[in-house]
Amino acid sequence: MAESMKGLHRSHRCTEVSNANIGETVTVMGWVQKRRNLGALIFIDLRDRSGILQIVFDEDTVGAEGFAKAGTLRSEFVVAVTGKVQKRSAAVNENLKTGDIEIIAEDIRILSEADTPPFPIEENSQTKDELRLKYRYLDLRRPDIQRNLMLRSKVIYLMREFMMKEGFLEIETPILCKSTPEGARDYLVPSRVHPGNFYALPQSPQIFKQLLMCSGYDRYFQIAKCFRDEDLRADRQPEFTQADMELSFVDIDDVLDVNERLLQYVFKEAIGVDIKLPLQRMPWQEAMDRFGSDKPDTRFGMELKDVSEIVKGCGFGVFTGALENGGSVRGINAKGQGAMPRKKIDKLVEFAKGYGAKGLAYLCINEDGTYKSSFSKFMTEDELDALVKAMEGEAGDLLLFAADKNKIVWNVLGALRLELAKELDLLDPNQYNFLWVTEFPLLEWSDEEERYMAMHHPFTMPIEEDWENVDTDPGSVRAKAYDIVLNGTELGGGSVRIHQDDVQEKMFEVLGFTKESAHEQFGFLIDAFKYGVPPHAGLAYGVDRMVMHMVHADSIRDVIAFPKVKDASCLMTAAPGAVDKKQLEELQLEIAEVEE
């Protein structure tokens, strides 16, 4: 039966007890990790969020009643123990922070009993994710998950500390907002007071932080909850946390400077990693051409090579056909992989098809310098030699080629390069390669919408010298936008914002908004800008992604306390769920039956 805390006070967490406390009487509290009954002595490993401490029960010191209680303990019982700290009488446990000390119990209270948990509470659990997330409150007791969440707490504290010292004000923005059509899909919230109308949960505090700049707050910062109704991936959740900021009277260099120093401070203080400044910068076009990605992983080579000029007159129709359709032919060199079995190459071909490729051409350079290729019969020996030379191919290399529209070629080879790096173990998790990707296209064409869309959002400032081309060649206009990339993951992104009326008006026009529709969606921002708006810029980090990299987690779920699964549901609370009919009636909503 559970006992009361009356008169008890915890003096230390488990691993706060050390050699310095030998001879002292302490009170510790936590969960029983395991119990070993040796007859005359009972040992338990007591666990709290700080770690594990060994407790020894001897009838002579704890008394008959206390010893009997210790004999009933099972895994996950919650107990309070008072006793004297001493050097370990048995062998030292080098794996524990408290491995050379123990507590000789003088008193024990069982604060709570526990059923046998559905899986062991241990590090690096092999339990299936579905079971772990159903019992997330138990999964959160695991020391590795607890360390992740404690580090996350420290990272947010360090960010706040740095931003306050840099003159930022922490200001909260609304969660119930107006729905806007650009960007990802909104989560909608029906209004009871305004039947038939809906709020949207914010995808980011974008408009509000720009309004704060109009209001003269100069430097704004917020740890903001954001929501996007998107399909989930390993590094994506329907609700996530942003470290969000906006600055007035700045241009690109000012924003990048403060953020480089923020990253340097947080990574050093949180995990002891030294980041050398300034960080590398790379224009978007260069990133795509070299790595096939706007978030390149630069920890390894295997860069893309454009061989369009080399193969333009060859007899291989796949190559020439792509070029005639305005595409390109590009390749990567998997050094030393020329002897890769055909089965493995076929798997890579299938992998490439998953990213939009119709196929994948390959050329193996044998150790004797001869070639084995899927397309050699369509090309002369001189053409093949020129191709190999352009790819810097040597004996023992495997060359892989994609031919299609640029977007598809980049997607395919960018993904293939990462897949090969994983297979060949080229990714060092302890190497932190930061990179600014800059000069993104301002607009991208949407086949679905049959119009240009903002690559970031409608308030992104174009690069001044490109803006004159907006009517004749909209796709060539670059943006004053920048992403911070770490080891192939976009950690955050931002831009300089438009603060001139004429540029903003033209931007809306290019995006297909009429004056009326622009005003309907963003009227309060447009109106605010009439009353004096400073030049301003901002950036937002995905806190979850940043911590995921710091702890080398495979999934973002391991750094979020209560995450959702792939279909955006919570296995523990069974959200989302049906609601009472009365609630729907209050909202004047009706659920339509959908035929299967």
Foldseek 3Di string as FASTA:
>chain_A
DADDCPPPDFPDEQLVDAPVQAFHKGKYKAWFQAWDCPPQKIWTWGDDLVGTAIEIEGCVQQNPVQVVVSVPDGGGFIKMFIFGKHFDPDDFDPVGSHRGIHGYTNYMGRRGHDDDDPARQEPPDPDDPLSCLQPLVSVCRRNLLSLLQVLLVLLVVLLVVLLVVVPADEDDDDQFADDDDADADWDWAFDLVDFPDITTGAQDCVLVQQLVLLVPNFKYWYFDWHAGPDFDDQADFRIFTKGWMKGFPDALVVFLVSVQVSVQRSCCVSPNDHDDPDAAEAAQVRCCQFQLDLQAQPLDHQTKFFCLVLCCPFQDCLSVVLVVVVATKIKTKAPLQLVPDPVVVVVLQVVLVVLPAPGKWKWRQAQVRDIDTPCVVRGDPVSVVSVCVSNVHDHRMMMIMTGHHSNSRSRRRNVSVVVVCVVVVSDDLVDKRKYKHFFAQQWDADPVVRAIGGPVHLFWAWDVVQVVCCVPCSRVITTQKIFIHISRRGFKIKHWTDLDLVSSVVSCVRRPHDPVRCCVNSVVSSVSSVSPGGGMMIMMGRSLVVSCSVSVPSGSVSNDSFGADRNNARSNVRPPDDDDPVVCVSSVHDDDDDDD
